[in-house]
Protein backbone atom coordinates (compact mmCIF):
# COMPACT_ATOMS: atom_id res chain seq x y z
CA MET A 1 98.34 87.40 89.50
CA ALA A 2 97.57 90.63 91.35
CA THR A 3 97.90 90.71 95.13
CA ILE A 4 94.85 90.75 97.39
CA GLU A 5 95.56 94.42 98.11
CA GLU A 6 95.67 95.31 94.41
CA ARG A 7 92.44 93.43 93.75
CA VAL A 8 90.66 95.00 96.75
CA LYS A 9 91.72 98.47 95.58
CA ALA A 10 90.59 97.72 92.00
CA VAL A 11 87.14 96.54 93.11
CA THR A 12 86.80 99.48 95.51
CA ALA A 13 87.77 101.93 92.77
CA ARG A 14 85.28 100.38 90.35
CA ILE A 15 82.35 100.49 92.80
CA LEU A 16 83.11 103.93 94.24
CA LYS A 17 84.28 105.40 90.92
CA LEU A 18 87.71 106.37 92.22
CA ASP A 19 91.28 106.16 90.93
CA PRO A 20 92.79 102.96 92.40
CA ASP A 21 96.16 104.71 92.78
CA GLN A 22 94.56 107.19 95.21
CA ILE A 23 93.23 104.43 97.52
CA LYS A 24 95.45 103.75 100.53
CA THR A 25 95.26 100.83 102.97
CA GLU A 26 94.58 103.19 105.88
CA HIS A 27 91.56 104.73 104.15
CA SER A 28 88.16 104.21 105.74
CA PHE A 29 85.56 103.03 103.23
CA THR A 30 82.97 105.47 104.57
CA VAL A 31 84.91 108.45 105.95
CA ASP A 32 87.78 108.70 103.44
CA LEU A 33 86.31 107.04 100.35
CA GLY A 34 82.68 108.12 100.76
CA ALA A 35 81.03 104.69 100.58
CA GLU A 36 77.34 104.76 101.49
CA SER A 37 75.58 101.75 103.02
CA VAL A 38 74.28 100.47 99.68
CA GLN A 39 77.78 100.71 98.20
CA SER A 40 79.22 98.88 101.20
CA ILE A 41 76.87 95.96 100.55
CA GLU A 42 77.81 96.07 96.87
CA LEU A 43 81.52 96.02 97.81
CA VAL A 44 80.99 92.86 99.89
CA ALA A 45 79.20 91.16 96.98
CA MET A 46 81.91 92.20 94.51
CA PHE A 47 84.72 91.03 96.83
CA GLU A 48 82.97 87.66 97.08
CA GLU A 49 82.74 87.47 93.28
CA GLU A 50 86.32 88.68 92.72
CA PHE A 51 87.83 86.14 95.11
CA GLY A 52 85.33 83.27 94.73
CA ILE A 53 84.52 83.27 98.44
CA GLU A 54 81.50 83.53 100.74
CA MET A 55 81.75 86.08 103.54
CA ASP A 56 79.56 86.60 106.58
CA GLU A 57 77.87 89.86 105.60
CA ASP A 58 77.75 91.34 109.11
CA ALA A 59 81.42 90.56 109.72
CA ALA A 60 82.40 91.92 106.31
CA LEU A 61 80.39 95.11 106.79
CA SER A 62 82.10 95.72 110.15
CA VAL A 63 85.48 96.05 108.39
CA GLU A 64 86.23 99.76 108.26
CA THR A 65 89.47 100.25 106.29
CA VAL A 66 90.93 99.01 103.03
CA GLY A 67 93.85 97.39 104.89
CA LYS A 68 91.52 95.54 107.27
CA ALA A 69 89.49 94.37 104.25
CA VAL A 70 92.67 92.93 102.72
CA GLU A 71 93.41 91.06 105.98
CA PHE A 72 89.80 89.87 106.32
CA ILE A 73 89.63 88.62 102.73
CA ALA A 74 93.03 86.87 103.05
CA LYS A 75 91.75 85.07 106.17
CA VAL A 76 88.49 84.03 104.47
CA CYS A 77 90.41 82.81 101.41
CA ARG A 78 92.69 80.69 103.63
CA GLU A 79 89.70 79.27 105.54
CA GLN A 80 87.89 78.41 102.29
CA GLY A 81 90.97 77.00 100.54
CA VAL A 82 91.11 79.70 97.87
CA ASP A 83 94.61 80.20 96.47
CA VAL A 84 95.55 83.89 96.25
CA GLU A 85 98.70 85.95 96.04
CA PRO A 86 99.92 87.32 99.37
CA ALA A 87 98.17 90.44 100.62
CA THR A 88 101.16 92.67 99.87
CA GLY A 89 104.57 92.42 98.37
CA GLY A 90 105.90 91.40 95.04
CA PRO A 91 108.66 89.53 93.26
CA ASN A 92 111.42 91.40 95.11
CA ASP A 93 110.11 90.35 98.52
CA SER A 94 111.28 86.74 98.33
CA PRO A 95 114.14 85.78 100.68
């Protein structure tokens, strides 16, 4: 299963028509990635669909960077009991 970060980047790339490998966690959705308000709303809807969660739209739209979106979605998934891979890391990160 892909990590939350990988899934957020994939959805973002699909909506904004970008290469997912060029999307960094520090990127701003609007300033760096060029998301317009309509696309921001579409991103929220697609994140909800991708993760099977319901997000408060105002709170979700206030998230400015890809990294903060990963943290926000991880928190919402935990609160709603949705099982997801950790936000970052991989098989070599286990103790």
